[in-house]
PDB file of all heavy atoms in Angstrom:
ATOM      1  N   ALA A   1     -80.874 -31.738  88.947  1.00  0.00           N
ATOM      2  CA  ALA A   1     -79.550 -31.211  88.597  1.00  0.00           C
ATOM      3  C   ALA A   1     -79.157 -31.590  87.174  1.00  0.00           C
ATOM      4  O   ALA A   1     -79.089 -32.774  86.824  1.00  0.00           O
ATOM      5  CB  ALA A   1     -78.517 -31.731  89.587  1.00  0.00           C
ATOM      6  N   GLY A   2     -78.898 -30.569  86.354  1.00  0.00           N
ATOM      7  CA  GLY A   2     -78.418 -30.794  85.002  1.00  0.00           C
ATOM      8  C   GLY A   2     -79.466 -31.298  84.028  1.00  0.00           C
ATOM      9  O   GLY A   2     -79.137 -31.569  82.866  1.00  0.00           O
ATOM     10  N   ARG A   3     -80.710 -31.428  84.466  1.00  0.00           N
ATOM     11  CA  ARG A   3     -81.733 -32.002  83.577  1.00  0.00           C
ATOM     12  C   ARG A   3     -82.845 -31.025  83.220  1.00  0.00           C
ATOM     13  O   ARG A   3     -83.611 -31.276  82.295  1.00  0.00           O
ATOM     14  CB  ARG A   3     -82.366 -33.236  84.232  1.00  0.00           C
ATOM     15  CG  ARG A   3     -81.416 -34.379  84.510  1.00  0.00           C
ATOM     16  CD  ARG A   3     -82.191 -35.619  84.939  1.00  0.00           C
ATOM     17  NE  ARG A   3     -82.911 -35.389  86.206  1.00  0.00           N
ATOM     18  CZ  ARG A   3     -84.080 -35.962  86.515  1.00  0.00           C
ATOM     19  NH1 ARG A   3     -84.690 -36.750  85.639  1.00  0.00           N
ATOM     20  NH2 ARG A   3     -84.650 -35.725  87.684  1.00  0.00           N
ATOM     21  N   VAL A   4     -82.989 -29.933  83.947  1.00  0.00           N
ATOM     22  CA  VAL A   4     -84.131 -29.039  83.778  1.00  0.00           C
ATOM     23  C   VAL A   4     -83.768 -27.876  82.853  1.00  0.00           C
ATOM     24  O   VAL A   4     -82.734 -27.235  83.031  1.00  0.00           O
ATOM     25  CB  VAL A   4     -84.610 -28.489  85.133  1.00  0.00           C
ATOM     26  CG1 VAL A   4     -85.802 -27.553  84.941  1.00  0.00           C
ATOM     27  CG2 VAL A   4     -84.971 -29.636  86.079  1.00  0.00           C
ATOM     28  N   ARG A   5     -84.637 -27.625  81.864  1.00  0.00           N
ATOM     29  CA  ARG A   5     -84.440 -26.456  81.007  1.00  0.00           C
ATOM     30  C   ARG A   5     -85.799 -25.881  80.622  1.00  0.00           C
ATOM     31  O   ARG A   5     -86.826 -26.560  80.702  1.00  0.00           O
ATOM     32  CB  ARG A   5     -83.632 -26.815  79.773  1.00  0.00           C
ATOM     33  CG  ARG A   5     -84.343 -27.649  78.741  1.00  0.00           C
ATOM     34  CD  ARG A   5     -83.619 -27.551  77.399  1.00  0.00           C
ATOM     35  NE  ARG A   5     -84.285 -28.295  76.371  1.00  0.00           N
ATOM     36  CZ  ARG A   5     -83.983 -29.541  76.029  1.00  0.00           C
ATOM     37  NH1 ARG A   5     -83.012 -30.182  76.659  1.00  0.00           N
ATOM     38  NH2 ARG A   5     -84.643 -30.152  75.062  1.00  0.00           N
ATOM     39  N   ALA A   6     -85.796 -24.631  80.232  1.00  0.00           N
ATOM     40  CA  ALA A   6     -87.032 -23.911  79.943  1.00  0.00           C
ATOM     41  C   ALA A   6     -87.513 -24.153  78.511  1.00  0.00           C
ATOM     42  O   ALA A   6     -86.754 -24.007  77.560  1.00  0.00           O
ATOM     43  CB  ALA A   6     -86.834 -22.416  80.164  1.00  0.00           C
ATOM     44  N   VAL A   7     -88.782 -24.548  78.392  1.00  0.00           N
ATOM     45  CA  VAL A   7     -89.460 -24.633  77.102  1.00  0.00           C
ATOM     46  C   VAL A   7     -90.841 -24.010  77.309  1.00  0.00           C
ATOM     47  O   VAL A   7     -91.701 -24.602  77.950  1.00  0.00           O
ATOM     48  CB  VAL A   7     -89.602 -26.079  76.602  1.00  0.00           C
ATOM     49  CG1 VAL A   7     -90.396 -26.110  75.302  1.00  0.00           C
ATOM     50  CG2 VAL A   7     -88.237 -26.717  76.401  1.00  0.00           C
ATOM     51  N   HIS A   8     -91.014 -22.810  76.803  1.00  0.00           N
ATOM     52  CA  HIS A   8     -92.259 -22.077  77.043  1.00  0.00           C
ATOM     53  C   HIS A   8     -92.830 -21.581  75.721  1.00  0.00           C
ATOM     54  O   HIS A   8     -92.310 -21.918  74.636  1.00  0.00           O
ATOM     55  CB  HIS A   8     -92.019 -20.914  78.003  1.00  0.00           C
ATOM     56  CG  HIS A   8     -90.779 -20.141  77.715  1.00  0.00           C
ATOM     57  ND1 HIS A   8     -90.636 -19.322  76.606  1.00  0.00           N
ATOM     58  CD2 HIS A   8     -89.579 -20.093  78.380  1.00  0.00           C
ATOM     59  CE1 HIS A   8     -89.434 -18.787  76.599  1.00  0.00           C
ATOM     60  NE2 HIS A   8     -88.760 -19.231  77.657  1.00  0.00           N
ATOM     61  N   ALA A   9     -93.895 -20.791  75.803  1.00  0.00           N
ATOM     62  CA  ALA A   9     -94.597 -20.358  74.589  1.00  0.00           C
ATOM     63  C   ALA A   9     -93.703 -19.582  73.638  1.00  0.00           C
ATOM     64  O   ALA A   9     -93.894 -19.622  72.417  1.00  0.00           O
ATOM     65  CB  ALA A   9     -95.814 -19.516  74.977  1.00  0.00           C
ATOM     66  N   HIS A  10     -92.697 -18.887  74.163  1.00  0.00           N
ATOM     67  CA  HIS A  10     -91.870 -18.030  73.323  1.00  0.00           C
ATOM     68  C   HIS A  10     -90.717 -18.773  72.627  1.00  0.00           C
ATOM     69  O   HIS A  10     -90.143 -18.250  71.671  1.00  0.00           O
ATOM     70  CB  HIS A  10     -91.302 -16.877  74.154  1.00  0.00           C
ATOM     71  CG  HIS A  10     -92.368 -16.032  74.795  1.00  0.00           C
ATOM     72  ND1 HIS A  10     -93.260 -15.278  74.064  1.00  0.00           N
ATOM     73  CD2 HIS A  10     -92.705 -15.862  76.097  1.00  0.00           C
ATOM     74  CE1 HIS A  10     -94.092 -14.654  74.894  1.00  0.00           C
ATOM     75  NE2 HIS A  10     -93.775 -14.997  76.122  1.00  0.00           N
ATOM     76  N   ASN A  11     -90.381 -19.961  73.119  1.00  0.00           N
ATOM     77  CA  ASN A  11     -89.276 -20.681  72.479  1.00  0.00           C
ATOM     78  C   ASN A  11     -89.655 -22.108  72.087  1.00  0.00           C
ATOM     79  O   ASN A  11     -88.793 -22.913  71.748  1.00  0.00           O
ATOM     80  CB  ASN A  11     -88.041 -20.697  73.386  1.00  0.00           C
ATOM     81  CG  ASN A  11     -88.209 -21.613  74.599  1.00  0.00           C
ATOM     82  OD1 ASN A  11     -89.296 -22.125  74.866  1.00  0.00           O
ATOM     83  ND2 ASN A  11     -87.129 -21.817  75.341  1.00  0.00           N
ATOM     84  N   GLU A  12     -90.952 -22.413  72.136  1.00  0.00           N
ATOM     85  CA  GLU A  12     -91.380 -23.790  71.878  1.00  0.00           C
ATOM     86  C   GLU A  12     -91.052 -24.240  70.466  1.00  0.00           C
ATOM     87  O   GLU A  12     -90.661 -25.399  70.249  1.00  0.00           O
ATOM     88  CB  GLU A  12     -92.888 -23.936  72.138  1.00  0.00           C
ATOM     89  CG  GLU A  12     -93.368 -25.379  72.029  1.00  0.00           C
ATOM     90  CD  GLU A  12     -94.857 -25.535  72.309  1.00  0.00           C
ATOM     91  OE1 GLU A  12     -95.528 -24.510  72.573  1.00  0.00           O
ATOM     92  OE2 GLU A  12     -95.345 -26.672  72.232  1.00  0.00           O
ATOM     93  N   GLN A  13     -91.194 -23.342  69.498  1.00  0.00           N
ATOM     94  CA  GLN A  13     -90.942 -23.730  68.115  1.00  0.00           C
ATOM     95  C   GLN A  13     -89.500 -24.190  67.920  1.00  0.00           C
ATOM     96  O   GLN A  13     -89.242 -25.270  67.388  1.00  0.00           O
ATOM     97  CB  GLN A  13     -91.250 -22.552  67.184  1.00  0.00           C
ATOM     98  CG  GLN A  13     -91.164 -22.885  65.708  1.00  0.00           C
ATOM     99  CD  GLN A  13     -92.259 -23.848  65.274  1.00  0.00           C
ATOM    100  OE1 GLN A  13     -93.434 -23.632  65.538  1.00  0.00           O
ATOM    101  NE2 GLN A  13     -91.872 -24.936  64.629  1.00  0.00           N
ATOM    102  N   GLU A  14     -88.553 -23.373  68.360  1.00  0.00           N
ATOM    103  CA  GLU A  14     -87.148 -23.765  68.187  1.00  0.00           C
ATOM    104  C   GLU A  14     -86.743 -24.908  69.114  1.00  0.00           C
ATOM    105  O   GLU A  14     -85.890 -25.732  68.769  1.00  0.00           O
ATOM    106  CB  GLU A  14     -86.215 -22.563  68.381  1.00  0.00           C
ATOM    107  CG  GLU A  14     -86.443 -21.776  69.649  1.00  0.00           C
ATOM    108  CD  GLU A  14     -87.390 -20.602  69.456  1.00  0.00           C
ATOM    109  OE1 GLU A  14     -88.350 -20.734  68.678  1.00  0.00           O
ATOM    110  OE2 GLU A  14     -87.175 -19.552  70.091  1.00  0.00           O
ATOM    111  N   SER A  15     -87.356 -24.965  70.294  1.00  0.00           N
ATOM    112  CA  SER A  15     -87.048 -26.054  71.225  1.00  0.00           C
ATOM    113  C   SER A  15     -87.507 -27.398  70.680  1.00  0.00           C
ATOM    114  O   SER A  15     -86.932 -28.439  71.019  1.00  0.00           O
ATOM    115  CB  SER A  15     -87.716 -25.793  72.578  1.00  0.00           C
ATOM    116  OG  SER A  15     -87.171 -24.652  73.205  1.00  0.00           O
ATOM    117  N   SER A  16     -88.541 -27.378  69.832  1.00  0.00           N
ATOM    118  CA  SER A  16     -89.055 -28.634  69.276  1.00  0.00           C
ATOM    119  C   SER A  16     -87.983 -29.377  68.503  1.00  0.00           C
ATOM    120  O   SER A  16     -87.889 -30.615  68.572  1.00  0.00           O
ATOM    121  CB  SER A  16     -90.259 -28.354  68.374  1.00  0.00           C
ATOM    122  OG  SER A  16     -91.321 -27.780  69.099  1.00  0.00           O
ATOM    123  N   GLU A  17     -87.168 -28.642  67.770  1.00  0.00           N
ATOM    124  CA  GLU A  17     -86.116 -29.287  66.984  1.00  0.00           C
ATOM    125  C   GLU A  17     -85.115 -29.982  67.897  1.00  0.00           C
ATOM    126  O   GLU A  17     -84.653 -31.094  67.601  1.00  0.00           O
ATOM    127  CB  GLU A  17     -85.417 -28.240  66.120  1.00  0.00           C
ATOM    128  CG  GLU A  17     -86.329 -27.557  65.112  1.00  0.00           C
ATOM    129  CD  GLU A  17     -85.620 -26.474  64.333  1.00  0.00           C
ATOM    130  OE1 GLU A  17     -84.383 -26.324  64.521  1.00  0.00           O
ATOM    131  OE2 GLU A  17     -86.280 -25.787  63.533  1.00  0.00           O
ATOM    132  N   GLN A  18     -84.780 -29.339  69.017  1.00  0.00           N
ATOM    133  CA  GLN A  18     -83.840 -29.948  69.956  1.00  0.00           C
ATOM    134  C   GLN A  18     -84.444 -31.187  70.600  1.00  0.00           C
ATOM    135  O   GLN A  18     -83.765 -32.207  70.765  1.00  0.00           O
ATOM    136  CB  GLN A  18     -83.455 -28.938  71.032  1.00  0.00           C
ATOM    137  CG  GLN A  18     -82.391 -29.459  72.000  1.00  0.00           C
ATOM    138  CD  GLN A  18     -81.961 -28.405  73.004  1.00  0.00           C
ATOM    139  OE1 GLN A  18     -82.423 -27.264  72.958  1.00  0.00           O
ATOM    140  NE2 GLN A  18     -81.074 -28.782  73.901  1.00  0.00           N
ATOM    141  N   VAL A  19     -85.733 -31.113  70.960  1.00  0.00           N
ATOM    142  CA  VAL A  19     -86.391 -32.270  71.564  1.00  0.00           C
ATOM    143  C   VAL A  19     -86.406 -33.447  70.591  1.00  0.00           C
ATOM    144  O   VAL A  19     -86.135 -34.594  70.981  1.00  0.00           O
ATOM    145  CB  VAL A  19     -87.826 -31.902  71.990  1.00  0.00           C
ATOM    146  CG1 VAL A  19     -88.627 -33.162  72.352  1.00  0.00           C
ATOM    147  CG2 VAL A  19     -87.798 -30.950  73.188  1.00  0.00           C
ATOM    148  N   VAL A  20     -86.689 -33.173  69.324  1.00  0.00           N
ATOM    149  CA  VAL A  20     -86.693 -34.251  68.331  1.00  0.00           C
ATOM    150  C   VAL A  20     -85.324 -34.905  68.244  1.00  0.00           C
ATOM    151  O   VAL A  20     -85.207 -36.144  68.205  1.00  0.00           O
ATOM    152  CB  VAL A  20     -87.115 -33.695  66.954  1.00  0.00           C
ATOM    153  CG1 VAL A  20     -86.789 -34.696  65.841  1.00  0.00           C
ATOM    154  CG2 VAL A  20     -88.607 -33.373  66.947  1.00  0.00           C
ATOM    155  N   ARG A  21     -84.256 -34.115  68.246  1.00  0.00           N
ATOM    156  CA  ARG A  21     -82.906 -34.686  68.186  1.00  0.00           C
ATOM    157  C   ARG A  21     -82.625 -35.562  69.409  1.00  0.00           C
ATOM    158  O   ARG A  21     -82.036 -36.642  69.288  1.00  0.00           O
ATOM    159  CB  ARG A  21     -81.866 -33.570  68.101  1.00  0.00           C
ATOM    160  CG  ARG A  21     -81.839 -32.835  66.758  1.00  0.00           C
ATOM    161  CD  ARG A  21     -80.582 -32.003  66.618  1.00  0.00           C
ATOM    162  NE  ARG A  21     -80.513 -30.948  67.636  1.00  0.00           N
ATOM    163  CZ  ARG A  21     -81.002 -29.728  67.490  1.00  0.00           C
ATOM    164  NH1 ARG A  21     -81.616 -29.400  66.354  1.00  0.00           N
ATOM    165  NH2 ARG A  21     -80.895 -28.826  68.441  1.00  0.00           N
ATOM    166  N   GLU A  22     -83.055 -35.100  70.573  1.00  0.00           N
ATOM    167  CA  GLU A  22     -82.785 -35.857  71.803  1.00  0.00           C
ATOM    168  C   GLU A  22     -83.575 -37.162  71.837  1.00  0.00           C
ATOM    169  O   GLU A  22     -83.046 -38.207  72.244  1.00  0.00           O
ATOM    170  CB  GLU A  22     -83.118 -34.986  73.015  1.00  0.00           C
ATOM    171  CG  GLU A  22     -82.123 -33.845  73.202  1.00  0.00           C
ATOM    172  CD  GLU A  22     -82.578 -32.818  74.219  1.00  0.00           C
ATOM    173  OE1 GLU A  22     -83.806 -32.641  74.370  1.00  0.00           O
ATOM    174  OE2 GLU A  22     -81.713 -32.191  74.848  1.00  0.00           O
ATOM    175  N   VAL A  23     -84.838 -37.114  71.418  1.00  0.00           N
ATOM    176  CA  VAL A  23     -85.638 -38.340  71.404  1.00  0.00           C
ATOM    177  C   VAL A  23     -85.065 -39.333  70.395  1.00  0.00           C
ATOM    178  O   VAL A  23     -84.999 -40.541  70.658  1.00  0.00           O
ATOM    179  CB  VAL A  23     -87.118 -38.019  71.103  1.00  0.00           C
ATOM    180  CG1 VAL A  23     -87.924 -39.309  70.936  1.00  0.00           C
ATOM    181  CG2 VAL A  23     -87.725 -37.168  72.228  1.00  0.00           C
ATOM    182  N   LYS A  24     -84.640 -38.820  69.251  1.00  0.00           N
ATOM    183  CA  LYS A  24     -84.008 -39.706  68.258  1.00  0.00           C
ATOM    184  C   LYS A  24     -82.760 -40.369  68.828  1.00  0.00           C
ATOM    185  O   LYS A  24     -82.423 -41.508  68.467  1.00  0.00           O
ATOM    186  CB  LYS A  24     -83.638 -38.911  67.005  1.00  0.00           C
ATOM    187  CG  LYS A  24     -84.805 -38.625  66.078  1.00  0.00           C
ATOM    188  CD  LYS A  24     -84.326 -37.907  64.823  1.00  0.00           C
ATOM    189  CE  LYS A  24     -85.470 -37.690  63.843  1.00  0.00           C
ATOM    190  NZ  LYS A  24     -85.012 -36.979  62.617  1.00  0.00           N
ATOM    191  N   ALA A  25     -82.061 -39.667  69.720  1.00  0.00           N
ATOM    192  CA  ALA A  25     -80.841 -40.205  70.317  1.00  0.00           C
ATOM    193  C   ALA A  25     -81.134 -41.167  71.468  1.00  0.00           C
ATOM    194  O   ALA A  25     -80.209 -41.668  72.101  1.00  0.00           O
ATOM    195  CB  ALA A  25     -79.965 -39.062  70.818  1.00  0.00           C
ATOM    196  N   GLY A  26     -82.420 -41.422  71.734  1.00  0.00           N
ATOM    197  CA  GLY A  26     -82.778 -42.384  72.770  1.00  0.00           C
ATOM    198  C   GLY A  26     -83.085 -41.771  74.112  1.00  0.00           C
ATOM    199  O   GLY A  26     -83.246 -42.488  75.105  1.00  0.00           O
TER     200      GLY A  26
END
């Protein structure tokens, strides 16, 4: 609940930026 989101071949490039921000935030 509230934790699952789609990251697939078609949006992986833009999703990478969001993942980097989240990992930086701990």
